[in-house]
N, C-alpha and C. Protein backbone atom coordinates (compact mmCIF):
# COMPACT_ATOMS: atom_id res chain seq x y z
N MET A 1 -53.95 -20.09 -58.98
CA MET A 1 -55.10 -20.71 -58.35
C MET A 1 -55.38 -20.00 -57.03
N SER A 2 -56.60 -19.63 -56.80
CA SER A 2 -56.97 -18.91 -55.58
C SER A 2 -57.31 -19.89 -54.47
N SER A 3 -57.01 -19.47 -53.24
CA SER A 3 -57.38 -20.30 -52.10
C SER A 3 -58.82 -20.02 -51.74
N PRO A 4 -59.48 -20.93 -51.01
CA PRO A 4 -60.86 -20.69 -50.60
C PRO A 4 -61.02 -19.41 -49.78
N VAL A 5 -59.98 -19.03 -49.06
CA VAL A 5 -60.03 -17.81 -48.25
C VAL A 5 -60.25 -16.58 -49.12
N SER A 6 -59.72 -16.59 -50.34
CA SER A 6 -59.83 -15.41 -51.19
C SER A 6 -61.26 -15.13 -51.63
N PHE A 7 -62.16 -16.10 -51.44
CA PHE A 7 -63.56 -15.89 -51.82
C PHE A 7 -64.43 -15.53 -50.63
N GLU A 8 -63.81 -15.37 -49.47
CA GLU A 8 -64.55 -14.98 -48.28
C GLU A 8 -64.28 -13.51 -47.99
N SER A 9 -65.23 -12.89 -47.33
CA SER A 9 -65.10 -11.50 -46.96
C SER A 9 -65.83 -11.27 -45.66
N THR A 10 -65.52 -10.18 -45.02
CA THR A 10 -66.21 -9.85 -43.79
C THR A 10 -67.70 -9.67 -44.05
N ARG A 11 -68.01 -9.07 -45.17
CA ARG A 11 -69.38 -8.67 -45.43
C ARG A 11 -70.20 -9.66 -46.24
N ARG A 12 -69.57 -10.48 -47.06
CA ARG A 12 -70.32 -11.43 -47.90
C ARG A 12 -69.36 -12.38 -48.60
N ARG A 13 -69.93 -13.42 -49.18
CA ARG A 13 -69.15 -14.33 -50.02
C ARG A 13 -68.90 -13.63 -51.34
N LEU A 14 -67.71 -13.80 -51.90
CA LEU A 14 -67.31 -13.05 -53.08
C LEU A 14 -67.38 -13.88 -54.35
N THR A 15 -67.73 -13.22 -55.45
CA THR A 15 -67.62 -13.84 -56.76
C THR A 15 -66.14 -13.82 -57.15
N THR A 16 -65.84 -14.45 -58.27
CA THR A 16 -64.45 -14.45 -58.73
C THR A 16 -63.96 -13.03 -58.99
N ALA A 17 -64.77 -12.22 -59.67
CA ALA A 17 -64.37 -10.83 -59.97
C ALA A 17 -64.21 -10.02 -58.69
N GLN A 18 -65.11 -10.19 -57.73
CA GLN A 18 -65.01 -9.48 -56.46
C GLN A 18 -63.77 -9.92 -55.68
N ALA A 19 -63.48 -11.22 -55.72
CA ALA A 19 -62.29 -11.73 -55.03
C ALA A 19 -61.03 -11.14 -55.65
N GLU A 20 -61.02 -10.97 -56.95
CA GLU A 20 -59.87 -10.35 -57.61
C GLU A 20 -59.72 -8.90 -57.17
N THR A 21 -60.83 -8.18 -57.05
CA THR A 21 -60.78 -6.79 -56.59
C THR A 21 -60.26 -6.71 -55.17
N VAL A 22 -60.77 -7.56 -54.30
CA VAL A 22 -60.30 -7.57 -52.91
C VAL A 22 -58.83 -7.96 -52.87
N GLY A 23 -58.42 -8.88 -53.72
CA GLY A 23 -57.01 -9.25 -53.80
C GLY A 23 -56.13 -8.08 -54.20
N LYS A 24 -56.59 -7.29 -55.17
CA LYS A 24 -55.86 -6.08 -55.57
C LYS A 24 -55.78 -5.09 -54.42
N LEU A 25 -56.89 -4.92 -53.72
CA LEU A 25 -56.92 -3.96 -52.62
C LEU A 25 -56.01 -4.40 -51.47
N THR A 26 -56.02 -5.67 -51.13
CA THR A 26 -55.18 -6.12 -50.01
C THR A 26 -53.69 -6.08 -50.40
N ALA A 27 -53.39 -6.40 -51.65
CA ALA A 27 -51.99 -6.29 -52.11
C ALA A 27 -51.54 -4.83 -52.09
N ALA A 28 -52.42 -3.93 -52.51
CA ALA A 28 -52.09 -2.51 -52.49
C ALA A 28 -51.92 -2.02 -51.06
N ALA A 29 -52.73 -2.53 -50.14
CA ALA A 29 -52.62 -2.12 -48.73
C ALA A 29 -51.26 -2.48 -48.16
N ILE A 30 -50.76 -3.66 -48.50
CA ILE A 30 -49.42 -4.06 -48.05
C ILE A 30 -48.38 -3.07 -48.58
N GLU A 31 -48.49 -2.69 -49.84
CA GLU A 31 -47.53 -1.75 -50.43
C GLU A 31 -47.59 -0.39 -49.73
N VAL A 32 -48.80 0.10 -49.49
CA VAL A 32 -48.95 1.40 -48.81
C VAL A 32 -48.36 1.32 -47.41
N LEU A 33 -48.66 0.23 -46.69
CA LEU A 33 -48.10 0.06 -45.33
C LEU A 33 -46.58 0.09 -45.36
N ARG A 34 -45.99 -0.64 -46.27
CA ARG A 34 -44.53 -0.73 -46.32
C ARG A 34 -43.88 0.58 -46.74
N GLU A 35 -44.51 1.30 -47.64
CA GLU A 35 -43.91 2.54 -48.14
C GLU A 35 -44.24 3.77 -47.30
N ASP A 36 -45.46 3.82 -46.78
CA ASP A 36 -45.91 5.05 -46.11
C ASP A 36 -46.27 4.87 -44.64
N GLY A 37 -46.44 3.63 -44.19
CA GLY A 37 -46.79 3.38 -42.80
C GLY A 37 -48.28 3.39 -42.53
N TYR A 38 -48.63 2.92 -41.34
CA TYR A 38 -50.04 2.78 -40.96
C TYR A 38 -50.77 4.12 -40.90
N ASP A 39 -50.11 5.15 -40.42
CA ASP A 39 -50.77 6.44 -40.29
C ASP A 39 -51.22 7.00 -41.64
N ALA A 40 -50.47 6.71 -42.68
CA ALA A 40 -50.82 7.21 -44.02
C ALA A 40 -51.80 6.31 -44.76
N LEU A 41 -52.04 5.13 -44.23
CA LEU A 41 -52.96 4.19 -44.88
C LEU A 41 -54.39 4.67 -44.74
N THR A 42 -55.09 4.75 -45.84
CA THR A 42 -56.53 5.03 -45.85
C THR A 42 -57.16 4.11 -46.89
N VAL A 43 -58.46 3.94 -46.83
CA VAL A 43 -59.14 3.15 -47.85
C VAL A 43 -58.93 3.82 -49.21
N ARG A 44 -58.95 5.14 -49.23
CA ARG A 44 -58.73 5.87 -50.50
C ARG A 44 -57.32 5.65 -51.05
N SER A 45 -56.30 5.68 -50.18
CA SER A 45 -54.93 5.48 -50.67
C SER A 45 -54.74 4.06 -51.19
N VAL A 46 -55.40 3.11 -50.56
CA VAL A 46 -55.34 1.72 -51.01
C VAL A 46 -56.04 1.59 -52.36
N ALA A 47 -57.21 2.22 -52.48
CA ALA A 47 -57.96 2.17 -53.74
C ALA A 47 -57.14 2.78 -54.88
N LYS A 48 -56.53 3.93 -54.62
CA LYS A 48 -55.72 4.58 -55.64
C LYS A 48 -54.58 3.68 -56.08
N ARG A 49 -53.87 3.09 -55.12
CA ARG A 49 -52.74 2.21 -55.43
C ARG A 49 -53.21 0.99 -56.23
N ALA A 50 -54.41 0.48 -55.92
CA ALA A 50 -54.93 -0.71 -56.59
C ALA A 50 -55.57 -0.39 -57.94
N GLY A 51 -55.76 0.89 -58.21
CA GLY A 51 -56.43 1.26 -59.46
C GLY A 51 -57.92 0.97 -59.42
N VAL A 52 -58.50 1.13 -58.23
CA VAL A 52 -59.91 0.85 -58.00
C VAL A 52 -60.58 2.13 -57.53
N ALA A 53 -61.80 2.36 -57.93
CA ALA A 53 -62.53 3.55 -57.48
C ALA A 53 -62.72 3.50 -55.97
N PRO A 54 -62.57 4.64 -55.28
CA PRO A 54 -62.77 4.65 -53.83
C PRO A 54 -64.13 4.09 -53.41
N ALA A 55 -65.17 4.40 -54.16
CA ALA A 55 -66.50 3.88 -53.81
C ALA A 55 -66.53 2.36 -53.85
N THR A 56 -65.82 1.79 -54.80
CA THR A 56 -65.73 0.32 -54.88
C THR A 56 -64.99 -0.22 -53.67
N ALA A 57 -63.88 0.41 -53.32
CA ALA A 57 -63.11 -0.04 -52.16
C ALA A 57 -63.95 -0.01 -50.90
N TYR A 58 -64.76 1.04 -50.76
CA TYR A 58 -65.60 1.16 -49.57
C TYR A 58 -66.73 0.12 -49.53
N THR A 59 -67.03 -0.51 -50.65
CA THR A 59 -68.04 -1.58 -50.60
C THR A 59 -67.46 -2.82 -49.92
N TYR A 60 -66.13 -2.91 -49.89
CA TYR A 60 -65.47 -4.06 -49.27
C TYR A 60 -64.89 -3.75 -47.90
N PHE A 61 -64.44 -2.53 -47.70
CA PHE A 61 -63.75 -2.17 -46.46
C PHE A 61 -64.31 -0.88 -45.88
N SER A 62 -64.66 -0.91 -44.61
CA SER A 62 -65.25 0.25 -43.95
C SER A 62 -64.21 1.23 -43.40
N SER A 63 -62.98 0.74 -43.20
CA SER A 63 -61.96 1.58 -42.58
C SER A 63 -60.58 0.98 -42.84
N LYS A 64 -59.55 1.74 -42.52
CA LYS A 64 -58.19 1.19 -42.67
C LYS A 64 -57.97 0.03 -41.70
N GLY A 65 -58.57 0.12 -40.53
CA GLY A 65 -58.47 -0.99 -39.58
C GLY A 65 -59.09 -2.26 -40.14
N HIS A 66 -60.18 -2.10 -40.86
CA HIS A 66 -60.85 -3.25 -41.49
C HIS A 66 -59.95 -3.87 -42.55
N VAL A 67 -59.29 -3.03 -43.35
CA VAL A 67 -58.36 -3.54 -44.38
C VAL A 67 -57.25 -4.35 -43.72
N VAL A 68 -56.65 -3.82 -42.68
CA VAL A 68 -55.54 -4.49 -42.02
C VAL A 68 -56.00 -5.77 -41.32
N ALA A 69 -57.15 -5.73 -40.67
CA ALA A 69 -57.68 -6.93 -40.02
C ALA A 69 -57.94 -8.03 -41.06
N GLU A 70 -58.44 -7.64 -42.22
CA GLU A 70 -58.66 -8.60 -43.31
C GLU A 70 -57.34 -9.21 -43.77
N LEU A 71 -56.32 -8.37 -43.91
CA LEU A 71 -54.99 -8.87 -44.30
C LEU A 71 -54.50 -9.92 -43.30
N PHE A 72 -54.64 -9.61 -42.02
CA PHE A 72 -54.16 -10.52 -40.98
C PHE A 72 -54.97 -11.81 -40.99
N TRP A 73 -56.28 -11.70 -41.08
CA TRP A 73 -57.12 -12.90 -41.10
C TRP A 73 -56.74 -13.80 -42.27
N ARG A 74 -56.58 -13.22 -43.45
CA ARG A 74 -56.21 -14.01 -44.63
C ARG A 74 -54.84 -14.67 -44.44
N ARG A 75 -53.91 -13.93 -43.89
CA ARG A 75 -52.57 -14.49 -43.68
C ARG A 75 -52.64 -15.66 -42.70
N LEU A 76 -53.38 -15.51 -41.61
CA LEU A 76 -53.51 -16.60 -40.65
C LEU A 76 -54.21 -17.80 -41.27
N ALA A 77 -55.32 -17.55 -41.98
CA ALA A 77 -56.10 -18.64 -42.55
C ALA A 77 -55.27 -19.45 -43.54
N GLU A 78 -54.35 -18.80 -44.21
CA GLU A 78 -53.52 -19.52 -45.19
C GLU A 78 -52.25 -20.11 -44.57
N SER A 79 -51.83 -19.61 -43.42
CA SER A 79 -50.55 -20.08 -42.87
C SER A 79 -50.68 -21.06 -41.72
N ILE A 80 -51.80 -21.08 -41.04
CA ILE A 80 -51.95 -22.03 -39.92
C ILE A 80 -52.54 -23.31 -40.47
N VAL A 81 -51.69 -24.26 -40.71
CA VAL A 81 -52.14 -25.52 -41.28
C VAL A 81 -52.79 -26.39 -40.20
N GLU A 82 -53.59 -27.33 -40.66
CA GLU A 82 -54.18 -28.26 -39.71
C GLU A 82 -53.06 -29.14 -39.15
N PRO A 83 -53.10 -29.40 -37.86
CA PRO A 83 -52.04 -30.19 -37.23
C PRO A 83 -51.98 -31.62 -37.79
N ASP A 84 -50.79 -32.16 -37.87
CA ASP A 84 -50.56 -33.53 -38.33
C ASP A 84 -50.87 -34.48 -37.18
N PRO A 85 -51.91 -35.29 -37.32
CA PRO A 85 -52.29 -36.19 -36.21
C PRO A 85 -51.24 -37.25 -35.89
N ALA A 86 -50.26 -37.44 -36.78
CA ALA A 86 -49.23 -38.45 -36.55
C ALA A 86 -48.14 -37.98 -35.59
N THR A 87 -48.10 -36.69 -35.31
CA THR A 87 -47.07 -36.17 -34.40
C THR A 87 -47.61 -36.12 -32.97
N PRO A 88 -46.74 -36.12 -31.98
CA PRO A 88 -47.20 -36.04 -30.59
C PRO A 88 -47.99 -34.75 -30.33
N ARG A 89 -48.89 -34.83 -29.41
CA ARG A 89 -49.81 -33.73 -29.09
C ARG A 89 -49.08 -32.43 -28.80
N VAL A 90 -48.07 -32.45 -27.97
CA VAL A 90 -47.36 -31.22 -27.61
C VAL A 90 -46.68 -30.61 -28.85
N ASP A 91 -46.21 -31.45 -29.75
CA ASP A 91 -45.60 -30.94 -30.98
C ASP A 91 -46.65 -30.32 -31.90
N ARG A 92 -47.84 -30.93 -31.95
CA ARG A 92 -48.92 -30.37 -32.77
C ARG A 92 -49.30 -28.98 -32.27
N VAL A 93 -49.44 -28.85 -30.97
CA VAL A 93 -49.78 -27.55 -30.37
C VAL A 93 -48.67 -26.54 -30.64
N SER A 94 -47.43 -26.97 -30.50
CA SER A 94 -46.29 -26.08 -30.73
C SER A 94 -46.26 -25.55 -32.15
N VAL A 95 -46.55 -26.40 -33.12
CA VAL A 95 -46.57 -25.98 -34.52
C VAL A 95 -47.63 -24.91 -34.75
N VAL A 96 -48.81 -25.11 -34.19
CA VAL A 96 -49.89 -24.13 -34.35
C VAL A 96 -49.52 -22.80 -33.69
N LEU A 97 -49.04 -22.86 -32.46
CA LEU A 97 -48.70 -21.62 -31.75
C LEU A 97 -47.56 -20.87 -32.42
N ARG A 98 -46.58 -21.60 -32.93
CA ARG A 98 -45.48 -20.95 -33.64
C ARG A 98 -46.00 -20.27 -34.91
N ALA A 99 -46.89 -20.93 -35.64
CA ALA A 99 -47.46 -20.33 -36.86
C ALA A 99 -48.23 -19.06 -36.54
N VAL A 100 -49.01 -19.08 -35.47
CA VAL A 100 -49.76 -17.89 -35.05
C VAL A 100 -48.79 -16.76 -34.71
N SER A 101 -47.76 -17.09 -33.97
CA SER A 101 -46.79 -16.08 -33.52
C SER A 101 -46.00 -15.46 -34.66
N LEU A 102 -45.71 -16.24 -35.67
CA LEU A 102 -44.83 -15.77 -36.74
C LEU A 102 -45.57 -15.27 -37.98
N ALA A 103 -46.89 -15.19 -37.91
CA ALA A 103 -47.69 -14.81 -39.09
C ALA A 103 -47.30 -13.45 -39.66
N VAL A 104 -46.89 -12.52 -38.82
CA VAL A 104 -46.51 -11.18 -39.30
C VAL A 104 -45.06 -10.84 -39.00
N GLU A 105 -44.30 -11.82 -38.58
CA GLU A 105 -42.92 -11.58 -38.16
C GLU A 105 -42.06 -10.98 -39.28
N ASP A 106 -42.34 -11.36 -40.50
CA ASP A 106 -41.52 -10.92 -41.62
C ASP A 106 -41.88 -9.53 -42.14
N ASP A 107 -42.86 -8.89 -41.53
CA ASP A 107 -43.32 -7.59 -42.02
C ASP A 107 -43.66 -6.68 -40.84
N SER A 108 -42.68 -5.91 -40.41
CA SER A 108 -42.85 -5.07 -39.21
C SER A 108 -43.95 -4.02 -39.40
N HIS A 109 -44.11 -3.51 -40.61
CA HIS A 109 -45.17 -2.51 -40.85
C HIS A 109 -46.55 -3.14 -40.66
N LEU A 110 -46.73 -4.33 -41.20
CA LEU A 110 -48.01 -5.02 -41.02
C LEU A 110 -48.21 -5.40 -39.56
N ALA A 111 -47.17 -5.85 -38.89
CA ALA A 111 -47.28 -6.24 -37.49
C ALA A 111 -47.79 -5.09 -36.63
N ARG A 112 -47.19 -3.90 -36.81
CA ARG A 112 -47.64 -2.73 -36.04
C ARG A 112 -49.08 -2.36 -36.40
N ALA A 113 -49.41 -2.45 -37.67
CA ALA A 113 -50.76 -2.11 -38.11
C ALA A 113 -51.79 -3.09 -37.56
N VAL A 114 -51.44 -4.36 -37.50
CA VAL A 114 -52.36 -5.37 -36.97
C VAL A 114 -52.66 -5.08 -35.51
N THR A 115 -51.64 -4.78 -34.74
CA THR A 115 -51.86 -4.49 -33.32
C THR A 115 -52.81 -3.32 -33.15
N ALA A 116 -52.58 -2.24 -33.88
CA ALA A 116 -53.44 -1.06 -33.77
C ALA A 116 -54.85 -1.36 -34.27
N SER A 117 -54.96 -2.08 -35.36
CA SER A 117 -56.26 -2.33 -35.97
C SER A 117 -57.14 -3.26 -35.15
N LEU A 118 -56.57 -4.34 -34.67
CA LEU A 118 -57.40 -5.32 -33.97
C LEU A 118 -57.93 -4.81 -32.64
N LEU A 119 -57.32 -3.76 -32.13
CA LEU A 119 -57.82 -3.19 -30.88
C LEU A 119 -58.91 -2.16 -31.12
N GLY A 120 -59.25 -1.89 -32.38
CA GLY A 120 -60.25 -0.89 -32.73
C GLY A 120 -61.67 -1.39 -32.48
N SER A 121 -62.62 -0.47 -32.62
CA SER A 121 -64.02 -0.79 -32.34
C SER A 121 -64.90 -0.84 -33.59
N ASP A 122 -64.31 -0.75 -34.77
CA ASP A 122 -65.07 -0.87 -36.01
C ASP A 122 -65.80 -2.22 -36.01
N PRO A 123 -67.12 -2.24 -36.28
CA PRO A 123 -67.86 -3.51 -36.25
C PRO A 123 -67.28 -4.57 -37.20
N ASP A 124 -66.76 -4.16 -38.35
CA ASP A 124 -66.16 -5.12 -39.27
C ASP A 124 -64.87 -5.69 -38.69
N VAL A 125 -64.13 -4.88 -37.96
CA VAL A 125 -62.92 -5.36 -37.29
C VAL A 125 -63.32 -6.32 -36.17
N GLU A 126 -64.35 -5.97 -35.43
CA GLU A 126 -64.82 -6.86 -34.36
C GLU A 126 -65.21 -8.22 -34.93
N HIS A 127 -65.88 -8.21 -36.08
CA HIS A 127 -66.27 -9.45 -36.73
C HIS A 127 -65.03 -10.28 -37.10
N LEU A 128 -64.03 -9.63 -37.67
CA LEU A 128 -62.81 -10.33 -38.04
C LEU A 128 -62.03 -10.79 -36.81
N ARG A 129 -62.03 -10.00 -35.76
CA ARG A 129 -61.36 -10.40 -34.52
C ARG A 129 -61.97 -11.71 -34.01
N LEU A 130 -63.29 -11.80 -34.07
CA LEU A 130 -63.98 -13.03 -33.67
C LEU A 130 -63.59 -14.19 -34.59
N ARG A 131 -63.58 -13.93 -35.87
CA ARG A 131 -63.21 -14.96 -36.85
C ARG A 131 -61.77 -15.45 -36.62
N ILE A 132 -60.88 -14.52 -36.36
CA ILE A 132 -59.48 -14.85 -36.10
C ILE A 132 -59.38 -15.71 -34.84
N GLY A 133 -60.06 -15.29 -33.79
CA GLY A 133 -60.05 -16.05 -32.54
C GLY A 133 -60.61 -17.45 -32.72
N LEU A 134 -61.68 -17.57 -33.49
CA LEU A 134 -62.28 -18.89 -33.72
C LEU A 134 -61.36 -19.79 -34.55
N LEU A 135 -60.70 -19.21 -35.53
CA LEU A 135 -59.76 -19.99 -36.35
C LEU A 135 -58.62 -20.53 -35.48
N ILE A 136 -58.04 -19.66 -34.67
CA ILE A 136 -56.92 -20.08 -33.83
C ILE A 136 -57.40 -21.11 -32.80
N ARG A 137 -58.56 -20.85 -32.21
CA ARG A 137 -59.13 -21.79 -31.23
C ARG A 137 -59.34 -23.17 -31.86
N GLN A 138 -59.86 -23.19 -33.08
CA GLN A 138 -60.11 -24.47 -33.75
C GLN A 138 -58.81 -25.22 -34.02
N ARG A 139 -57.80 -24.50 -34.49
CA ARG A 139 -56.51 -25.14 -34.78
C ARG A 139 -55.86 -25.68 -33.50
N ILE A 140 -55.93 -24.91 -32.43
CA ILE A 140 -55.37 -25.38 -31.15
C ILE A 140 -56.17 -26.58 -30.66
N SER A 141 -57.49 -26.49 -30.76
CA SER A 141 -58.35 -27.60 -30.34
C SER A 141 -58.03 -28.87 -31.13
N ASP A 142 -57.88 -28.73 -32.44
CA ASP A 142 -57.52 -29.88 -33.28
C ASP A 142 -56.18 -30.47 -32.83
N ALA A 143 -55.25 -29.61 -32.47
CA ALA A 143 -53.93 -30.07 -32.03
C ALA A 143 -54.00 -30.75 -30.66
N LEU A 144 -54.94 -30.34 -29.84
CA LEU A 144 -55.04 -30.89 -28.49
C LEU A 144 -55.73 -32.24 -28.41
N VAL A 145 -56.43 -32.62 -29.46
CA VAL A 145 -57.11 -33.92 -29.41
C VAL A 145 -56.08 -34.96 -29.04
N GLY A 146 -56.39 -35.69 -28.01
CA GLY A 146 -55.43 -36.65 -27.47
C GLY A 146 -54.98 -37.69 -28.49
N ASP A 147 -53.81 -38.23 -28.25
CA ASP A 147 -53.25 -39.24 -29.15
C ASP A 147 -54.17 -40.46 -29.26
N SER A 148 -54.97 -40.72 -28.23
CA SER A 148 -55.91 -41.84 -28.29
C SER A 148 -57.33 -41.35 -28.55
N GLY A 149 -57.47 -40.09 -28.98
CA GLY A 149 -58.78 -39.56 -29.38
C GLY A 149 -59.63 -39.02 -28.25
N GLU A 150 -59.06 -38.89 -27.04
CA GLU A 150 -59.87 -38.37 -25.93
C GLU A 150 -60.25 -36.90 -26.21
N PRO A 151 -61.35 -36.44 -25.64
CA PRO A 151 -61.80 -35.07 -25.92
C PRO A 151 -60.83 -34.01 -25.40
N VAL A 152 -60.97 -32.83 -25.96
CA VAL A 152 -60.12 -31.70 -25.58
C VAL A 152 -60.45 -31.26 -24.16
N ASN A 153 -59.41 -31.01 -23.40
CA ASN A 153 -59.55 -30.47 -22.05
C ASN A 153 -59.76 -28.96 -22.20
N GLU A 154 -60.96 -28.49 -21.88
CA GLU A 154 -61.31 -27.06 -22.08
C GLU A 154 -60.41 -26.13 -21.27
N ALA A 155 -59.99 -26.56 -20.09
CA ALA A 155 -59.11 -25.72 -19.27
C ALA A 155 -57.76 -25.53 -19.97
N GLU A 156 -57.24 -26.58 -20.58
CA GLU A 156 -55.99 -26.47 -21.34
C GLU A 156 -56.17 -25.54 -22.53
N LEU A 157 -57.26 -25.72 -23.24
CA LEU A 157 -57.53 -24.89 -24.42
C LEU A 157 -57.60 -23.42 -24.03
N GLU A 158 -58.32 -23.11 -22.96
CA GLU A 158 -58.43 -21.71 -22.52
C GLU A 158 -57.09 -21.17 -22.05
N ALA A 159 -56.31 -21.98 -21.37
CA ALA A 159 -54.99 -21.53 -20.91
C ALA A 159 -54.08 -21.23 -22.10
N LEU A 160 -54.13 -22.08 -23.13
CA LEU A 160 -53.33 -21.84 -24.33
C LEU A 160 -53.79 -20.59 -25.07
N GLU A 161 -55.09 -20.34 -25.08
CA GLU A 161 -55.60 -19.10 -25.70
C GLU A 161 -55.08 -17.88 -24.95
N MET A 162 -55.07 -17.95 -23.64
CA MET A 162 -54.55 -16.84 -22.84
C MET A 162 -53.05 -16.65 -23.11
N LEU A 163 -52.33 -17.74 -23.23
CA LEU A 163 -50.89 -17.65 -23.52
C LEU A 163 -50.64 -16.96 -24.85
N TYR A 164 -51.31 -17.41 -25.91
CA TYR A 164 -51.01 -16.82 -27.22
C TYR A 164 -51.47 -15.38 -27.30
N SER A 165 -52.63 -15.07 -26.73
CA SER A 165 -53.10 -13.68 -26.83
C SER A 165 -52.17 -12.74 -26.06
N GLY A 166 -51.74 -13.14 -24.89
CA GLY A 166 -50.79 -12.31 -24.14
C GLY A 166 -49.46 -12.18 -24.85
N ALA A 167 -49.01 -13.28 -25.45
CA ALA A 167 -47.73 -13.25 -26.17
C ALA A 167 -47.80 -12.31 -27.37
N LEU A 168 -48.90 -12.35 -28.11
CA LEU A 168 -49.03 -11.49 -29.28
C LEU A 168 -49.14 -10.01 -28.89
N VAL A 169 -49.78 -9.73 -27.78
CA VAL A 169 -49.84 -8.34 -27.32
C VAL A 169 -48.43 -7.87 -26.97
N ARG A 170 -47.66 -8.70 -26.28
CA ARG A 170 -46.27 -8.33 -25.93
C ARG A 170 -45.44 -8.06 -27.18
N ALA A 171 -45.56 -8.93 -28.16
CA ALA A 171 -44.80 -8.73 -29.41
C ALA A 171 -45.31 -7.50 -30.14
N GLY A 172 -46.62 -7.33 -30.19
CA GLY A 172 -47.20 -6.18 -30.89
C GLY A 172 -46.83 -4.85 -30.26
N MET A 173 -46.59 -4.86 -28.96
CA MET A 173 -46.18 -3.64 -28.28
C MET A 173 -44.68 -3.40 -28.38
N GLY A 174 -43.98 -4.35 -29.00
CA GLY A 174 -42.55 -4.18 -29.22
C GLY A 174 -41.67 -4.61 -28.07
N TYR A 175 -42.21 -5.32 -27.09
CA TYR A 175 -41.40 -5.77 -25.96
C TYR A 175 -40.39 -6.83 -26.36
N GLU A 176 -40.77 -7.66 -27.33
CA GLU A 176 -39.90 -8.71 -27.83
C GLU A 176 -40.22 -8.94 -29.30
N SER A 177 -39.29 -9.55 -30.00
CA SER A 177 -39.55 -9.86 -31.41
C SER A 177 -40.56 -11.00 -31.49
N TYR A 178 -41.21 -11.11 -32.63
CA TYR A 178 -42.16 -12.21 -32.83
C TYR A 178 -41.45 -13.56 -32.75
N SER A 179 -40.23 -13.61 -33.23
CA SER A 179 -39.46 -14.85 -33.17
C SER A 179 -39.19 -15.25 -31.72
N ALA A 180 -38.77 -14.30 -30.90
CA ALA A 180 -38.52 -14.58 -29.48
C ALA A 180 -39.81 -14.97 -28.78
N ILE A 181 -40.89 -14.28 -29.11
CA ILE A 181 -42.20 -14.59 -28.51
C ILE A 181 -42.62 -16.00 -28.89
N ALA A 182 -42.39 -16.39 -30.15
CA ALA A 182 -42.76 -17.74 -30.59
C ALA A 182 -42.03 -18.78 -29.76
N ASP A 183 -40.75 -18.57 -29.53
CA ASP A 183 -39.97 -19.51 -28.72
C ASP A 183 -40.49 -19.58 -27.29
N ARG A 184 -40.76 -18.43 -26.72
CA ARG A 184 -41.24 -18.40 -25.34
C ARG A 184 -42.65 -18.99 -25.22
N LEU A 185 -43.48 -18.73 -26.22
CA LEU A 185 -44.84 -19.26 -26.22
C LEU A 185 -44.82 -20.79 -26.31
N VAL A 186 -44.00 -21.32 -27.17
CA VAL A 186 -43.89 -22.78 -27.30
C VAL A 186 -43.36 -23.39 -26.00
N ALA A 187 -42.39 -22.75 -25.40
CA ALA A 187 -41.85 -23.25 -24.12
C ALA A 187 -42.93 -23.26 -23.04
N ALA A 188 -43.72 -22.20 -22.98
CA ALA A 188 -44.78 -22.11 -21.97
C ALA A 188 -45.86 -23.16 -22.24
N ALA A 189 -46.19 -23.38 -23.51
CA ALA A 189 -47.18 -24.39 -23.84
C ALA A 189 -46.70 -25.79 -23.47
N LYS A 190 -45.43 -26.06 -23.73
CA LYS A 190 -44.87 -27.37 -23.36
C LYS A 190 -44.91 -27.55 -21.85
N LEU A 191 -44.57 -26.52 -21.12
CA LEU A 191 -44.60 -26.57 -19.66
C LEU A 191 -46.01 -26.88 -19.18
N LEU A 192 -46.98 -26.20 -19.76
CA LEU A 192 -48.39 -26.41 -19.39
C LEU A 192 -48.84 -27.82 -19.71
N LEU A 193 -48.55 -28.29 -20.90
CA LEU A 193 -49.07 -29.58 -21.36
C LEU A 193 -48.32 -30.78 -20.78
N GLU A 194 -47.04 -30.61 -20.52
CA GLU A 194 -46.27 -31.75 -20.00
C GLU A 194 -46.41 -31.91 -18.49
N ASN A 195 -46.93 -30.91 -17.82
CA ASN A 195 -47.07 -30.97 -16.36
C ASN A 195 -48.53 -31.06 -15.93
N ARG A 196 -49.33 -31.63 -16.75
CA ARG A 196 -50.74 -31.74 -16.37
C ARG A 196 -51.03 -33.02 -15.66
């Protein structure tokens, strides 16, 4: 069974057949990244691995950065669950931030590729970067809704966005592991939220 995310694309909504093709391409991209690394990844190498014509692959992806950004967006969209309203607010925020931090922790090749790709200027990557930011913002905002339903404090939301983006850059640059960053990010979020 496919998730709703598998029918979305940077460029258009996908039919079932198109979603299957994009699924083949993204699965092949992971294999190429793991075996050959980001520098060897091209849309053509992904197409070849997927058994798809290069022209077809280019209808979905404009660049290797676009392929990697799509992989990351899909992984986040499927792994960052909506916060459980029954848990305390700080715990809801912690769960979201930990999920964001650990989305690529299990795959160092993808983690390095995501860092390089998301900093690119490809318009399709820029579109996905915005989509990724909006998804994370929405999940954090949902987690911040007060236990009694009071509105989200925008200053808190922006501070948490700054925390996670800085933390992910640190992890992406190799200063700390994603696991260590997740722990530090959650600690910083708790400090921020409990001392307001």
